[in-house]
Amino acid sequence: MKRIVVDGLLVSLIVIIARLLGLDLDTLILIILCGTAIITIRTLQELIMLFKDVSQGVAYLICLAMQEGKVRGSTAFRVLKTEHGLVVKRIDKNMEGES
């Protein structure tokens, strides 16, 4: 999901720079259309990955780190049940401050 947001910000930055450079409207529209296509492809990739996970019975577990009543970080895990037991994989870690 973070990639989609970063792609959107990157496209916006490119459009702003192109506008400051004085590119014509047709070029700006082409840049916007290409950027939208990239973001759409990334979104579809994320959705397909989630649908595959749902069909396999994957669950997501999110653990929050709390300090003084505030969330200081989080870790996300992907949990899959197999015939040999549970398979847990860390997929995202976001911590603030010291660990």
N, C-alpha and C. Protein backbone atom coordinates (compact mmCIF):
# COMPACT_ATOMS: atom_id res chain seq x y z
N MET A 1 0.81 -1.19 0.00
CA MET A 1 0.00 0.00 0.00
C MET A 1 0.86 1.26 0.00
N LYS A 2 2.00 1.15 0.68
CA LYS A 2 2.87 2.33 0.72
C LYS A 2 3.38 2.69 -0.66
N ARG A 3 3.58 1.66 -1.51
CA ARG A 3 4.06 1.93 -2.87
C ARG A 3 3.06 2.77 -3.65
N ILE A 4 1.77 2.54 -3.45
CA ILE A 4 0.74 3.28 -4.17
C ILE A 4 0.79 4.75 -3.77
N VAL A 5 0.93 5.02 -2.48
CA VAL A 5 1.00 6.40 -2.00
C VAL A 5 2.25 7.08 -2.54
N VAL A 6 3.38 6.38 -2.49
CA VAL A 6 4.63 6.94 -2.99
C VAL A 6 4.53 7.22 -4.49
N ASP A 7 3.92 6.31 -5.25
CA ASP A 7 3.73 6.53 -6.69
C ASP A 7 2.87 7.76 -6.94
N GLY A 8 1.80 7.91 -6.17
CA GLY A 8 0.93 9.08 -6.33
C GLY A 8 1.67 10.38 -6.04
N LEU A 9 2.47 10.39 -4.98
CA LEU A 9 3.26 11.58 -4.66
C LEU A 9 4.30 11.87 -5.72
N LEU A 10 4.91 10.82 -6.27
CA LEU A 10 5.91 10.99 -7.32
C LEU A 10 5.29 11.57 -8.58
N VAL A 11 4.12 11.08 -8.96
CA VAL A 11 3.43 11.61 -10.14
C VAL A 11 3.07 13.08 -9.92
N SER A 12 2.59 13.40 -8.72
CA SER A 12 2.25 14.80 -8.42
C SER A 12 3.47 15.70 -8.51
N LEU A 13 4.59 15.22 -7.98
CA LEU A 13 5.83 15.99 -8.05
C LEU A 13 6.28 16.20 -9.49
N ILE A 14 6.18 15.16 -10.30
CA ILE A 14 6.57 15.28 -11.71
C ILE A 14 5.68 16.27 -12.44
N VAL A 15 4.37 16.24 -12.15
CA VAL A 15 3.45 17.19 -12.79
C VAL A 15 3.78 18.62 -12.38
N ILE A 16 4.09 18.83 -11.11
CA ILE A 16 4.44 20.18 -10.64
C ILE A 16 5.72 20.66 -11.32
N ILE A 17 6.73 19.81 -11.40
CA ILE A 17 7.98 20.18 -12.05
C ILE A 17 7.75 20.46 -13.54
N ALA A 18 6.95 19.62 -14.20
CA ALA A 18 6.66 19.83 -15.62
C ALA A 18 5.93 21.15 -15.83
N ARG A 19 5.03 21.47 -14.92
CA ARG A 19 4.29 22.74 -15.02
C ARG A 19 5.23 23.92 -14.83
N LEU A 20 6.15 23.81 -13.87
CA LEU A 20 7.11 24.89 -13.64
C LEU A 20 8.07 25.06 -14.81
N LEU A 21 8.35 23.98 -15.52
CA LEU A 21 9.21 24.06 -16.69
C LEU A 21 8.48 24.61 -17.91
N GLY A 22 7.16 24.76 -17.80
CA GLY A 22 6.40 25.36 -18.88
C GLY A 22 5.99 24.41 -19.98
N LEU A 23 5.87 23.12 -19.68
CA LEU A 23 5.43 22.16 -20.69
C LEU A 23 3.98 22.44 -21.08
N ASP A 24 3.63 22.11 -22.31
CA ASP A 24 2.28 22.39 -22.78
C ASP A 24 1.26 21.44 -22.14
N LEU A 25 0.00 21.74 -22.32
CA LEU A 25 -1.09 21.01 -21.69
C LEU A 25 -1.14 19.55 -22.15
N ASP A 26 -0.88 19.31 -23.44
CA ASP A 26 -0.91 17.94 -23.96
C ASP A 26 0.12 17.05 -23.26
N THR A 27 1.29 17.58 -23.04
CA THR A 27 2.34 16.81 -22.36
C THR A 27 1.95 16.54 -20.91
N LEU A 28 1.39 17.54 -20.24
CA LEU A 28 0.94 17.35 -18.86
C LEU A 28 -0.14 16.28 -18.77
N ILE A 29 -1.07 16.30 -19.70
CA ILE A 29 -2.14 15.29 -19.70
C ILE A 29 -1.55 13.90 -19.93
N LEU A 30 -0.56 13.79 -20.81
CA LEU A 30 0.10 12.50 -21.05
C LEU A 30 0.81 12.01 -19.79
N ILE A 31 1.49 12.90 -19.08
CA ILE A 31 2.16 12.53 -17.83
C ILE A 31 1.15 12.06 -16.80
N ILE A 32 0.04 12.77 -16.68
CA ILE A 32 -1.00 12.40 -15.71
C ILE A 32 -1.61 11.04 -16.06
N LEU A 33 -1.87 10.80 -17.34
CA LEU A 33 -2.43 9.51 -17.76
C LEU A 33 -1.45 8.35 -17.49
N CYS A 34 -0.18 8.56 -17.77
CA CYS A 34 0.81 7.51 -17.50
C CYS A 34 0.93 7.26 -16.00
N GLY A 35 0.92 8.31 -15.22
CA GLY A 35 0.98 8.16 -13.77
C GLY A 35 -0.23 7.43 -13.22
N THR A 36 -1.40 7.77 -13.73
CA THR A 36 -2.62 7.09 -13.31
C THR A 36 -2.58 5.61 -13.68
N ALA A 37 -2.04 5.31 -14.85
CA ALA A 37 -1.92 3.91 -15.26
C ALA A 37 -0.99 3.14 -14.33
N ILE A 38 0.12 3.75 -13.93
CA ILE A 38 1.05 3.10 -13.00
C ILE A 38 0.39 2.84 -11.66
N ILE A 39 -0.32 3.83 -11.13
CA ILE A 39 -0.99 3.68 -9.84
C ILE A 39 -2.09 2.61 -9.94
N THR A 40 -2.81 2.57 -11.04
CA THR A 40 -3.86 1.56 -11.23
C THR A 40 -3.26 0.16 -11.27
N ILE A 41 -2.15 -0.01 -11.97
CA ILE A 41 -1.49 -1.31 -12.04
C ILE A 41 -1.03 -1.75 -10.65
N ARG A 42 -0.43 -0.83 -9.90
CA ARG A 42 0.02 -1.17 -8.53
C ARG A 42 -1.16 -1.56 -7.65
N THR A 43 -2.26 -0.83 -7.77
CA THR A 43 -3.45 -1.13 -6.97
C THR A 43 -3.99 -2.51 -7.32
N LEU A 44 -4.05 -2.83 -8.60
CA LEU A 44 -4.52 -4.15 -9.02
C LEU A 44 -3.60 -5.26 -8.52
N GLN A 45 -2.29 -5.02 -8.52
CA GLN A 45 -1.34 -6.00 -8.00
C GLN A 45 -1.61 -6.26 -6.52
N GLU A 46 -1.84 -5.19 -5.75
CA GLU A 46 -2.13 -5.34 -4.32
C GLU A 46 -3.42 -6.12 -4.10
N LEU A 47 -4.46 -5.80 -4.89
CA LEU A 47 -5.73 -6.50 -4.74
C LEU A 47 -5.61 -7.98 -5.09
N ILE A 48 -4.89 -8.28 -6.16
CA ILE A 48 -4.71 -9.69 -6.55
C ILE A 48 -3.96 -10.44 -5.45
N MET A 49 -2.94 -9.81 -4.86
CA MET A 49 -2.21 -10.45 -3.78
C MET A 49 -3.13 -10.71 -2.58
N LEU A 50 -3.98 -9.75 -2.25
CA LEU A 50 -4.91 -9.95 -1.13
C LEU A 50 -5.93 -11.05 -1.43
N PHE A 51 -6.44 -11.10 -2.67
CA PHE A 51 -7.40 -12.14 -3.03
C PHE A 51 -6.75 -13.52 -2.98
N LYS A 52 -5.49 -13.63 -3.40
CA LYS A 52 -4.78 -14.90 -3.30
C LYS A 52 -4.66 -15.32 -1.84
N ASP A 53 -4.32 -14.36 -0.99
CA ASP A 53 -4.20 -14.65 0.44
C ASP A 53 -5.52 -15.13 1.03
N VAL A 54 -6.60 -14.46 0.68
CA VAL A 54 -7.91 -14.84 1.20
C VAL A 54 -8.28 -16.25 0.74
N SER A 55 -7.99 -16.58 -0.51
CA SER A 55 -8.32 -17.91 -1.02
C SER A 55 -7.48 -19.00 -0.36
N GLN A 56 -6.29 -18.65 0.16
CA GLN A 56 -5.43 -19.61 0.83
C GLN A 56 -5.69 -19.65 2.34
N GLY A 57 -6.56 -18.80 2.83
CA GLY A 57 -6.85 -18.78 4.26
C GLY A 57 -5.82 -18.04 5.08
N VAL A 58 -5.18 -17.05 4.50
CA VAL A 58 -4.16 -16.28 5.21
C VAL A 58 -4.83 -15.23 6.09
N ALA A 59 -4.28 -15.05 7.27
CA ALA A 59 -4.75 -13.99 8.17
C ALA A 59 -3.60 -13.02 8.41
N TYR A 60 -3.93 -11.79 8.75
CA TYR A 60 -2.92 -10.80 9.07
C TYR A 60 -3.05 -10.44 10.55
N LEU A 61 -1.92 -10.34 11.22
CA LEU A 61 -1.86 -10.00 12.62
C LEU A 61 -1.03 -8.74 12.76
N ILE A 62 -1.58 -7.74 13.43
CA ILE A 62 -0.87 -6.48 13.61
C ILE A 62 -0.64 -6.28 15.11
N CYS A 63 0.63 -6.13 15.49
CA CYS A 63 0.99 -5.91 16.89
C CYS A 63 1.41 -4.45 17.06
N LEU A 64 0.85 -3.80 18.06
CA LEU A 64 1.16 -2.39 18.32
C LEU A 64 2.07 -2.28 19.54
N ALA A 65 3.06 -1.41 19.48
CA ALA A 65 3.93 -1.12 20.61
C ALA A 65 3.43 0.16 21.26
N MET A 66 3.10 0.07 22.54
CA MET A 66 2.54 1.21 23.27
C MET A 66 3.55 1.71 24.29
N GLN A 67 3.59 3.03 24.47
CA GLN A 67 4.42 3.64 25.50
C GLN A 67 3.71 4.89 25.98
N GLU A 68 3.43 4.94 27.28
CA GLU A 68 2.74 6.07 27.90
C GLU A 68 1.40 6.34 27.22
N GLY A 69 0.70 5.29 26.87
CA GLY A 69 -0.63 5.42 26.28
C GLY A 69 -0.66 5.81 24.82
N LYS A 70 0.50 5.88 24.17
CA LYS A 70 0.57 6.25 22.75
C LYS A 70 1.17 5.10 21.96
N VAL A 71 0.72 4.96 20.73
CA VAL A 71 1.29 3.94 19.84
C VAL A 71 2.64 4.43 19.36
N ARG A 72 3.68 3.66 19.64
CA ARG A 72 5.04 4.03 19.25
C ARG A 72 5.55 3.23 18.06
N GLY A 73 4.86 2.20 17.69
CA GLY A 73 5.31 1.39 16.56
C GLY A 73 4.35 0.25 16.30
N SER A 74 4.56 -0.42 15.20
CA SER A 74 3.70 -1.54 14.85
C SER A 74 4.48 -2.54 14.01
N THR A 75 4.07 -3.77 14.10
CA THR A 75 4.64 -4.83 13.28
C THR A 75 3.50 -5.66 12.72
N ALA A 76 3.52 -5.91 11.43
CA ALA A 76 2.47 -6.71 10.80
C ALA A 76 3.03 -8.08 10.44
N PHE A 77 2.22 -9.11 10.67
CA PHE A 77 2.60 -10.48 10.37
C PHE A 77 1.57 -11.10 9.44
N ARG A 78 2.04 -11.96 8.55
CA ARG A 78 1.18 -12.74 7.66
C ARG A 78 1.17 -14.16 8.21
N VAL A 79 -0.02 -14.68 8.54
CA VAL A 79 -0.14 -15.99 9.17
C VAL A 79 -0.88 -16.94 8.23
N LEU A 80 -0.24 -18.08 7.92
CA LEU A 80 -0.82 -19.08 7.03
C LEU A 80 -0.82 -20.43 7.74
N LYS A 81 -1.97 -21.10 7.73
CA LYS A 81 -2.07 -22.42 8.35
C LYS A 81 -1.78 -23.47 7.28
N THR A 82 -0.80 -24.32 7.55
CA THR A 82 -0.45 -25.41 6.65
C THR A 82 -0.68 -26.74 7.37
N GLU A 83 -0.42 -27.84 6.66
CA GLU A 83 -0.60 -29.15 7.31
C GLU A 83 0.45 -29.41 8.38
N HIS A 84 1.54 -28.65 8.36
CA HIS A 84 2.61 -28.81 9.34
C HIS A 84 2.49 -27.82 10.49
N GLY A 85 1.51 -26.94 10.45
CA GLY A 85 1.34 -25.93 11.50
C GLY A 85 1.19 -24.54 10.91
N LEU A 86 1.41 -23.55 11.74
CA LEU A 86 1.29 -22.16 11.30
C LEU A 86 2.62 -21.64 10.77
N VAL A 87 2.55 -20.87 9.68
CA VAL A 87 3.71 -20.20 9.12
C VAL A 87 3.48 -18.71 9.32
N VAL A 88 4.40 -18.07 10.06
CA VAL A 88 4.27 -16.65 10.37
C VAL A 88 5.45 -15.92 9.74
N LYS A 89 5.15 -14.85 9.00
CA LYS A 89 6.19 -14.06 8.33
C LYS A 89 5.95 -12.59 8.64
N ARG A 90 6.99 -11.90 9.11
CA ARG A 90 6.87 -10.46 9.34
C ARG A 90 6.90 -9.74 8.00
N ILE A 91 5.91 -8.88 7.76
CA ILE A 91 5.84 -8.20 6.46
C ILE A 91 6.10 -6.71 6.56
N ASP A 92 5.95 -6.12 7.75
CA ASP A 92 6.14 -4.69 7.88
C ASP A 92 6.49 -4.36 9.32
N LYS A 93 7.47 -3.50 9.49
CA LYS A 93 7.84 -3.05 10.84
C LYS A 93 8.01 -1.55 10.81
N ASN A 94 7.35 -0.89 11.74
CA ASN A 94 7.41 0.56 11.81
C ASN A 94 7.56 0.95 13.27
N MET A 95 8.77 1.31 13.67
CA MET A 95 9.02 1.66 15.06
C MET A 95 9.52 3.08 15.17
N GLU A 96 9.12 3.75 16.24
CA GLU A 96 9.61 5.09 16.54
C GLU A 96 10.49 5.01 17.77
N GLY A 97 11.52 5.82 17.82
CA GLY A 97 12.35 5.87 19.01
C GLY A 97 13.20 4.63 19.19
N GLU A 98 13.52 4.35 20.46
CA GLU A 98 14.37 3.22 20.76
C GLU A 98 13.58 1.94 20.86
N SER A 99 14.21 0.82 20.52
CA SER A 99 13.56 -0.49 20.63
C SER A 99 13.94 -1.13 21.94
